Amino acid sequence: MAIHVINEAKRCLNCKKPMCREGCPIHTPIPDMIHTFLEGDINQAGEMVFENNPLSIVCSLICNHENQCEGHCVLNRKGSPVHISSIENYISENYFDKLSFSGIENPPDIRCPKRLESRYNRLRSCRYNHCGNTCTARI
């Protein structure tokens, strides 16, 4: 496991009113995700993130975190915010690597979220272009 990701997660203050979540346009459950990750249940943290946003692996790379979740982090006022993008990307990549879809058997410790499974069947009909990507995100 990446030590820097764990150290970054430990910096989270687990605020009662998480401004990072309010700064996120899709309201990712950031404090819950980090808390679950630190408890050692990366699979549950991944499921939590994917249930909220099936494209979290992409968003963790391209989202403007400095102005959204990280920009609203309380620690940002005192210097350096928690690098939520690194944590989300690590969890998302780990979970995505273990995920499987229809026709492929899931590993015993990972189950594909029902919401994501039903969407996958509709994804196959989308074309791979900008319009298809937008449709895919909406499904």
N, C-alpha and C. Protein backbone atom coordinates (compact mmCIF):
# COMPACT_ATOMS: atom_id res chain seq x y z
N MET A 1 0.85 -1.18 0.00
CA MET A 1 0.00 0.00 0.00
C MET A 1 0.89 1.24 0.00
N ALA A 2 0.48 2.24 -0.71
CA ALA A 2 1.25 3.47 -0.82
C ALA A 2 1.26 4.22 0.51
N ILE A 3 2.43 4.37 1.07
CA ILE A 3 2.59 5.02 2.37
C ILE A 3 2.14 6.48 2.31
N HIS A 4 2.47 7.19 1.23
CA HIS A 4 2.09 8.61 1.15
C HIS A 4 0.58 8.79 1.15
N VAL A 5 -0.16 7.84 0.59
CA VAL A 5 -1.63 7.92 0.56
C VAL A 5 -2.17 7.74 1.98
N ILE A 6 -1.62 6.81 2.71
CA ILE A 6 -2.04 6.59 4.10
C ILE A 6 -1.73 7.82 4.95
N ASN A 7 -0.52 8.34 4.80
CA ASN A 7 -0.14 9.53 5.57
C ASN A 7 -1.04 10.72 5.24
N GLU A 8 -1.40 10.84 3.98
CA GLU A 8 -2.28 11.93 3.56
C GLU A 8 -3.68 11.73 4.16
N ALA A 9 -4.16 10.51 4.16
CA ALA A 9 -5.47 10.21 4.74
C ALA A 9 -5.50 10.49 6.24
N LYS A 10 -4.40 10.23 6.91
CA LYS A 10 -4.33 10.48 8.36
C LYS A 10 -4.38 11.97 8.70
N ARG A 11 -4.10 12.81 7.73
CA ARG A 11 -4.17 14.26 7.96
C ARG A 11 -5.60 14.77 8.03
N CYS A 12 -6.55 13.99 7.53
CA CYS A 12 -7.95 14.41 7.53
C CYS A 12 -8.43 14.61 8.97
N LEU A 13 -9.09 15.72 9.21
CA LEU A 13 -9.57 16.06 10.55
C LEU A 13 -10.94 15.45 10.86
N ASN A 14 -11.56 14.84 9.86
CA ASN A 14 -12.90 14.25 10.01
C ASN A 14 -13.86 15.28 10.61
N CYS A 15 -13.96 16.40 9.95
CA CYS A 15 -14.78 17.53 10.42
C CYS A 15 -16.25 17.13 10.59
N LYS A 16 -16.90 17.78 11.57
CA LYS A 16 -18.33 17.54 11.77
C LYS A 16 -19.14 18.06 10.59
N LYS A 17 -18.72 19.20 10.05
CA LYS A 17 -19.35 19.74 8.85
C LYS A 17 -18.28 19.77 7.76
N PRO A 18 -18.16 18.66 7.01
CA PRO A 18 -17.08 18.55 6.02
C PRO A 18 -17.25 19.50 4.84
N MET A 19 -16.44 20.53 4.81
CA MET A 19 -16.49 21.50 3.73
C MET A 19 -16.01 20.89 2.41
N CYS A 20 -15.14 19.87 2.51
CA CYS A 20 -14.65 19.20 1.30
C CYS A 20 -15.81 18.57 0.53
N ARG A 21 -16.73 17.98 1.26
CA ARG A 21 -17.89 17.35 0.63
C ARG A 21 -18.79 18.41 -0.03
N GLU A 22 -18.95 19.54 0.64
CA GLU A 22 -19.76 20.61 0.08
C GLU A 22 -19.10 21.25 -1.13
N GLY A 23 -17.77 21.22 -1.17
CA GLY A 23 -17.04 21.77 -2.31
C GLY A 23 -17.07 20.86 -3.52
N CYS A 24 -17.40 19.60 -3.31
CA CYS A 24 -17.45 18.62 -4.40
C CYS A 24 -18.79 18.73 -5.13
N PRO A 25 -18.77 18.94 -6.45
CA PRO A 25 -20.03 19.09 -7.19
C PRO A 25 -20.94 17.86 -7.14
N ILE A 26 -20.37 16.68 -6.92
CA ILE A 26 -21.19 15.47 -6.86
C ILE A 26 -21.31 14.94 -5.43
N HIS A 27 -20.82 15.71 -4.49
CA HIS A 27 -20.92 15.40 -3.05
C HIS A 27 -20.40 14.01 -2.70
N THR A 28 -19.18 13.71 -3.14
CA THR A 28 -18.52 12.46 -2.79
C THR A 28 -18.40 12.39 -1.27
N PRO A 29 -18.71 11.25 -0.67
CA PRO A 29 -18.61 11.12 0.79
C PRO A 29 -17.15 11.02 1.24
N ILE A 30 -16.43 12.10 1.11
CA ILE A 30 -14.98 12.12 1.33
C ILE A 30 -14.58 11.70 2.75
N PRO A 31 -15.14 12.29 3.81
CA PRO A 31 -14.72 11.87 5.15
C PRO A 31 -15.03 10.39 5.43
N ASP A 32 -16.19 9.92 4.96
CA ASP A 32 -16.54 8.51 5.16
C ASP A 32 -15.59 7.60 4.40
N MET A 33 -15.26 8.00 3.17
CA MET A 33 -14.34 7.24 2.34
C MET A 33 -12.98 7.13 3.02
N ILE A 34 -12.47 8.25 3.52
CA ILE A 34 -11.16 8.27 4.17
C ILE A 34 -11.19 7.45 5.45
N HIS A 35 -12.24 7.60 6.25
CA HIS A 35 -12.35 6.86 7.50
C HIS A 35 -12.39 5.35 7.24
N THR A 36 -13.17 4.93 6.26
CA THR A 36 -13.28 3.51 5.91
C THR A 36 -11.94 2.99 5.41
N PHE A 37 -11.26 3.78 4.60
CA PHE A 37 -9.94 3.41 4.08
C PHE A 37 -8.94 3.22 5.22
N LEU A 38 -8.93 4.15 6.17
CA LEU A 38 -8.00 4.06 7.29
C LEU A 38 -8.30 2.89 8.22
N GLU A 39 -9.55 2.46 8.24
CA GLU A 39 -9.91 1.27 9.03
C GLU A 39 -9.44 -0.01 8.36
N GLY A 40 -8.94 0.10 7.14
CA GLY A 40 -8.40 -1.05 6.43
C GLY A 40 -9.35 -1.70 5.46
N ASP A 41 -10.52 -1.13 5.26
CA ASP A 41 -11.50 -1.71 4.34
C ASP A 41 -11.53 -0.93 3.04
N ILE A 42 -10.49 -1.11 2.23
CA ILE A 42 -10.37 -0.38 0.97
C ILE A 42 -11.47 -0.80 -0.01
N ASN A 43 -11.93 -2.04 0.08
CA ASN A 43 -13.00 -2.49 -0.82
C ASN A 43 -14.31 -1.75 -0.54
N GLN A 44 -14.63 -1.58 0.73
CA GLN A 44 -15.84 -0.84 1.11
C GLN A 44 -15.71 0.63 0.73
N ALA A 45 -14.53 1.20 0.92
CA ALA A 45 -14.29 2.59 0.54
C ALA A 45 -14.46 2.75 -0.97
N GLY A 46 -13.95 1.80 -1.73
CA GLY A 46 -14.10 1.83 -3.18
C GLY A 46 -15.55 1.71 -3.62
N GLU A 47 -16.28 0.81 -2.97
CA GLU A 47 -17.70 0.65 -3.30
C GLU A 47 -18.47 1.93 -3.00
N MET A 48 -18.13 2.56 -1.89
CA MET A 48 -18.78 3.81 -1.50
C MET A 48 -18.56 4.89 -2.56
N VAL A 49 -17.34 4.99 -3.05
CA VAL A 49 -17.00 6.00 -4.06
C VAL A 49 -17.68 5.68 -5.39
N PHE A 50 -17.65 4.41 -5.81
CA PHE A 50 -18.24 4.03 -7.09
C PHE A 50 -19.77 4.10 -7.07
N GLU A 51 -20.37 3.87 -5.93
CA GLU A 51 -21.83 4.02 -5.82
C GLU A 51 -22.22 5.48 -6.04
N ASN A 52 -21.39 6.38 -5.53
CA ASN A 52 -21.67 7.81 -5.68
C ASN A 52 -21.34 8.29 -7.09
N ASN A 53 -20.25 7.77 -7.67
CA ASN A 53 -19.80 8.23 -8.98
C ASN A 53 -19.04 7.12 -9.69
N PRO A 54 -19.69 6.43 -10.63
CA PRO A 54 -19.01 5.35 -11.35
C PRO A 54 -17.78 5.80 -12.14
N LEU A 55 -17.64 7.09 -12.39
CA LEU A 55 -16.48 7.61 -13.11
C LEU A 55 -15.44 8.21 -12.16
N SER A 56 -15.45 7.79 -10.92
CA SER A 56 -14.53 8.37 -9.92
C SER A 56 -13.07 8.19 -10.29
N ILE A 57 -12.75 7.10 -10.97
CA ILE A 57 -11.36 6.88 -11.36
C ILE A 57 -10.89 7.96 -12.34
N VAL A 58 -11.80 8.45 -13.17
CA VAL A 58 -11.48 9.53 -14.11
C VAL A 58 -11.49 10.87 -13.39
N CYS A 59 -12.52 11.10 -12.59
CA CYS A 59 -12.64 12.37 -11.87
C CYS A 59 -11.47 12.60 -10.92
N SER A 60 -10.94 11.53 -10.34
CA SER A 60 -9.81 11.69 -9.42
C SER A 60 -8.57 12.23 -10.14
N LEU A 61 -8.54 12.10 -11.45
CA LEU A 61 -7.40 12.58 -12.23
C LEU A 61 -7.64 13.94 -12.88
N ILE A 62 -8.87 14.20 -13.35
CA ILE A 62 -9.09 15.42 -14.15
C ILE A 62 -9.89 16.51 -13.44
N CYS A 63 -10.49 16.19 -12.32
CA CYS A 63 -11.30 17.17 -11.60
C CYS A 63 -10.42 18.31 -11.07
N ASN A 64 -10.97 19.49 -10.98
CA ASN A 64 -10.25 20.66 -10.47
C ASN A 64 -10.32 20.67 -8.94
N HIS A 65 -9.54 19.82 -8.32
CA HIS A 65 -9.60 19.64 -6.86
C HIS A 65 -9.20 20.89 -6.08
N GLU A 66 -8.28 21.66 -6.64
CA GLU A 66 -7.79 22.85 -5.94
C GLU A 66 -8.90 23.86 -5.67
N ASN A 67 -9.90 23.90 -6.54
CA ASN A 67 -11.01 24.84 -6.38
C ASN A 67 -12.25 24.18 -5.80
N GLN A 68 -12.23 22.87 -5.68
CA GLN A 68 -13.42 22.18 -5.19
C GLN A 68 -13.14 21.53 -3.84
N CYS A 69 -13.00 20.24 -3.76
CA CYS A 69 -12.87 19.57 -2.46
C CYS A 69 -11.64 20.04 -1.68
N GLU A 70 -10.47 19.99 -2.32
CA GLU A 70 -9.24 20.40 -1.63
C GLU A 70 -9.25 21.90 -1.33
N GLY A 71 -9.86 22.67 -2.19
CA GLY A 71 -9.97 24.11 -1.98
C GLY A 71 -10.85 24.47 -0.79
N HIS A 72 -11.78 23.58 -0.45
CA HIS A 72 -12.68 23.81 0.68
C HIS A 72 -12.21 23.14 1.96
N CYS A 73 -11.15 22.35 1.88
CA CYS A 73 -10.61 21.66 3.06
C CYS A 73 -10.19 22.68 4.12
N VAL A 74 -10.54 22.41 5.36
CA VAL A 74 -10.20 23.31 6.47
C VAL A 74 -8.69 23.50 6.58
N LEU A 75 -7.93 22.45 6.32
CA LEU A 75 -6.48 22.54 6.41
C LEU A 75 -5.89 23.47 5.34
N ASN A 76 -6.65 23.77 4.30
CA ASN A 76 -6.19 24.68 3.26
C ASN A 76 -5.99 26.09 3.81
N ARG A 77 -6.75 26.43 4.83
CA ARG A 77 -6.64 27.76 5.44
C ARG A 77 -5.34 27.91 6.22
N LYS A 78 -4.80 26.78 6.68
CA LYS A 78 -3.59 26.81 7.49
C LYS A 78 -2.34 26.43 6.70
N GLY A 79 -2.51 26.15 5.42
CA GLY A 79 -1.36 25.78 4.61
C GLY A 79 -1.70 24.81 3.52
N SER A 80 -1.52 23.53 3.78
CA SER A 80 -1.70 22.51 2.76
C SER A 80 -2.91 21.63 3.05
N PRO A 81 -3.86 21.56 2.10
CA PRO A 81 -5.05 20.73 2.32
C PRO A 81 -4.72 19.25 2.19
N VAL A 82 -5.62 18.40 2.63
CA VAL A 82 -5.49 16.97 2.41
C VAL A 82 -5.60 16.76 0.90
N HIS A 83 -4.70 15.99 0.33
CA HIS A 83 -4.72 15.74 -1.12
C HIS A 83 -5.72 14.62 -1.40
N ILE A 84 -6.97 15.02 -1.43
CA ILE A 84 -8.09 14.10 -1.61
C ILE A 84 -7.99 13.38 -2.95
N SER A 85 -7.48 14.07 -3.96
CA SER A 85 -7.37 13.47 -5.29
C SER A 85 -6.49 12.23 -5.27
N SER A 86 -5.39 12.27 -4.54
CA SER A 86 -4.49 11.11 -4.44
C SER A 86 -5.16 9.94 -3.76
N ILE A 87 -5.88 10.24 -2.69
CA ILE A 87 -6.57 9.19 -1.92
C ILE A 87 -7.67 8.57 -2.77
N GLU A 88 -8.49 9.42 -3.39
CA GLU A 88 -9.59 8.92 -4.22
C GLU A 88 -9.07 8.11 -5.39
N ASN A 89 -7.98 8.56 -6.01
CA ASN A 89 -7.43 7.83 -7.14
C ASN A 89 -6.90 6.46 -6.70
N TYR A 90 -6.22 6.40 -5.58
CA TYR A 90 -5.69 5.13 -5.09
C TYR A 90 -6.82 4.14 -4.80
N ILE A 91 -7.84 4.62 -4.11
CA ILE A 91 -8.98 3.76 -3.77
C ILE A 91 -9.71 3.33 -5.03
N SER A 92 -9.95 4.26 -5.95
CA SER A 92 -10.68 3.96 -7.18
C SER A 92 -9.93 2.97 -8.05
N GLU A 93 -8.63 3.17 -8.23
CA GLU A 93 -7.84 2.24 -9.03
C GLU A 93 -7.84 0.85 -8.43
N ASN A 94 -7.66 0.79 -7.12
CA ASN A 94 -7.66 -0.50 -6.43
C ASN A 94 -8.98 -1.22 -6.61
N TYR A 95 -10.07 -0.49 -6.43
CA TYR A 95 -11.41 -1.08 -6.55
C TYR A 95 -11.70 -1.47 -7.99
N PHE A 96 -11.35 -0.60 -8.94
CA PHE A 96 -11.62 -0.87 -10.35
C PHE A 96 -10.86 -2.10 -10.83
N ASP A 97 -9.62 -2.29 -10.35
CA ASP A 97 -8.83 -3.46 -10.72
C ASP A 97 -9.50 -4.76 -10.27
N LYS A 98 -10.24 -4.70 -9.19
CA LYS A 98 -10.89 -5.89 -8.65
C LYS A 98 -12.31 -6.10 -9.17
N LEU A 99 -12.87 -5.06 -9.79
CA LEU A 99 -14.24 -5.14 -10.29
C LEU A 99 -14.32 -6.00 -11.54
N SER A 100 -15.44 -6.63 -11.71
CA SER A 100 -15.71 -7.31 -12.97
C SER A 100 -17.18 -7.08 -13.30
N PHE A 101 -17.51 -7.30 -14.55
CA PHE A 101 -18.86 -7.02 -15.02
C PHE A 101 -19.51 -8.28 -15.55
N SER A 102 -20.67 -8.14 -16.14
CA SER A 102 -21.44 -9.27 -16.66
C SER A 102 -20.58 -10.18 -17.52
N GLY A 103 -20.77 -11.47 -17.33
CA GLY A 103 -20.05 -12.46 -18.11
C GLY A 103 -18.70 -12.82 -17.55
N ILE A 104 -18.23 -12.07 -16.60
CA ILE A 104 -16.95 -12.36 -15.97
C ILE A 104 -17.22 -12.51 -14.48
N GLU A 105 -16.74 -13.58 -13.94
CA GLU A 105 -17.02 -13.86 -12.53
C GLU A 105 -16.26 -12.91 -11.62
N ASN A 106 -16.92 -12.41 -10.58
CA ASN A 106 -16.30 -11.52 -9.61
C ASN A 106 -15.39 -12.29 -8.67
N PRO A 107 -14.29 -11.68 -8.23
CA PRO A 107 -13.51 -12.31 -7.16
C PRO A 107 -14.40 -12.44 -5.93
N PRO A 108 -14.17 -13.40 -5.07
CA PRO A 108 -15.07 -13.65 -3.95
C PRO A 108 -15.23 -12.49 -2.98
N ASP A 109 -14.23 -11.63 -2.83
CA ASP A 109 -14.34 -10.55 -1.85
C ASP A 109 -14.90 -9.25 -2.44
N ILE A 110 -15.15 -9.21 -3.73
CA ILE A 110 -15.65 -7.99 -4.36
C ILE A 110 -16.94 -8.32 -5.10
N ARG A 111 -17.94 -7.49 -4.89
CA ARG A 111 -19.16 -7.64 -5.68
C ARG A 111 -19.40 -6.33 -6.41
N CYS A 112 -19.84 -6.45 -7.61
CA CYS A 112 -20.12 -5.27 -8.41
C CYS A 112 -21.37 -4.60 -7.87
N PRO A 113 -21.33 -3.29 -7.58
CA PRO A 113 -22.52 -2.62 -7.08
C PRO A 113 -23.68 -2.77 -8.06
N LYS A 114 -24.87 -3.02 -7.52
CA LYS A 114 -26.06 -3.24 -8.35
C LYS A 114 -26.28 -2.09 -9.32
N ARG A 115 -26.12 -0.87 -8.82
CA ARG A 115 -26.34 0.30 -9.66
C ARG A 115 -25.37 0.31 -10.84
N LEU A 116 -24.13 -0.05 -10.62
CA LEU A 116 -23.13 -0.06 -11.66
C LEU A 116 -23.36 -1.22 -12.62
N GLU A 117 -23.76 -2.38 -12.11
CA GLU A 117 -24.01 -3.56 -12.94
C GLU A 117 -25.13 -3.31 -13.94
N SER A 118 -26.23 -2.71 -13.49
CA SER A 118 -27.34 -2.46 -14.40
C SER A 118 -26.95 -1.43 -15.46
N ARG A 119 -26.11 -0.49 -15.09
CA ARG A 119 -25.67 0.52 -16.05
C ARG A 119 -24.75 -0.08 -17.10
N TYR A 120 -23.95 -1.05 -16.72
CA TYR A 120 -22.98 -1.62 -17.64
C TYR A 120 -23.68 -2.21 -18.86
N ASN A 121 -24.80 -2.86 -18.66
CA ASN A 121 -25.53 -3.45 -19.79
C ASN A 121 -25.97 -2.39 -20.78
N ARG A 122 -26.29 -1.18 -20.29
CA ARG A 122 -26.69 -0.10 -21.19
C ARG A 122 -25.48 0.58 -21.82
N LEU A 123 -24.33 0.49 -21.18
CA LEU A 123 -23.13 1.15 -21.70
C LEU A 123 -22.67 0.55 -23.02
N ARG A 124 -22.92 -0.74 -23.20
CA ARG A 124 -22.45 -1.41 -24.40
C ARG A 124 -23.07 -0.81 -25.66
N SER A 125 -24.23 -0.19 -25.54
CA SER A 125 -24.89 0.37 -26.72
C SER A 125 -24.39 1.79 -27.04
N CYS A 126 -23.66 2.42 -26.13
CA CYS A 126 -23.15 3.78 -26.36
C CYS A 126 -21.93 3.74 -27.27
N ARG A 127 -21.84 4.69 -28.17
CA ARG A 127 -20.67 4.79 -29.02
C ARG A 127 -19.57 5.51 -28.25
N TYR A 128 -18.33 5.24 -28.63
CA TYR A 128 -17.20 5.84 -27.95
C TYR A 128 -16.81 7.15 -28.61
N ASN A 129 -17.53 8.19 -28.29
CA ASN A 129 -17.22 9.54 -28.72
C ASN A 129 -17.68 10.48 -27.63
N HIS A 130 -17.59 11.77 -27.82
CA HIS A 130 -17.96 12.73 -26.78
C HIS A 130 -19.41 12.56 -26.36
N CYS A 131 -20.29 12.40 -27.32
CA CYS A 131 -21.70 12.23 -27.02
C CYS A 131 -21.92 10.94 -26.24
N GLY A 132 -21.25 9.88 -26.66
CA GLY A 132 -21.37 8.59 -25.97
C GLY A 132 -20.85 8.66 -24.55
N ASN A 133 -19.76 9.40 -24.35
CA ASN A 133 -19.22 9.56 -23.01
C ASN A 133 -20.18 10.32 -22.10
N THR A 134 -20.82 11.33 -22.67
CA THR A 134 -21.80 12.09 -21.89
C THR A 134 -22.99 11.21 -21.53
N CYS A 135 -23.45 10.43 -22.49
CA CYS A 135 -24.56 9.52 -22.23
C CYS A 135 -24.17 8.50 -21.17
N THR A 136 -22.95 7.99 -21.29
CA THR A 136 -22.46 7.00 -20.35
C THR A 136 -22.45 7.57 -18.94
N ALA A 137 -22.00 8.78 -18.79
CA ALA A 137 -21.94 9.40 -17.47
C ALA A 137 -23.34 9.60 -16.90
N ARG A 138 -24.31 9.90 -17.77
CA ARG A 138 -25.69 10.12 -17.32
C ARG A 138 -26.41 8.83 -16.97
N ILE A 139 -26.03 7.72 -17.61
CA ILE A 139 -26.69 6.44 -17.34
C ILE A 139 -26.33 6.04 -15.94
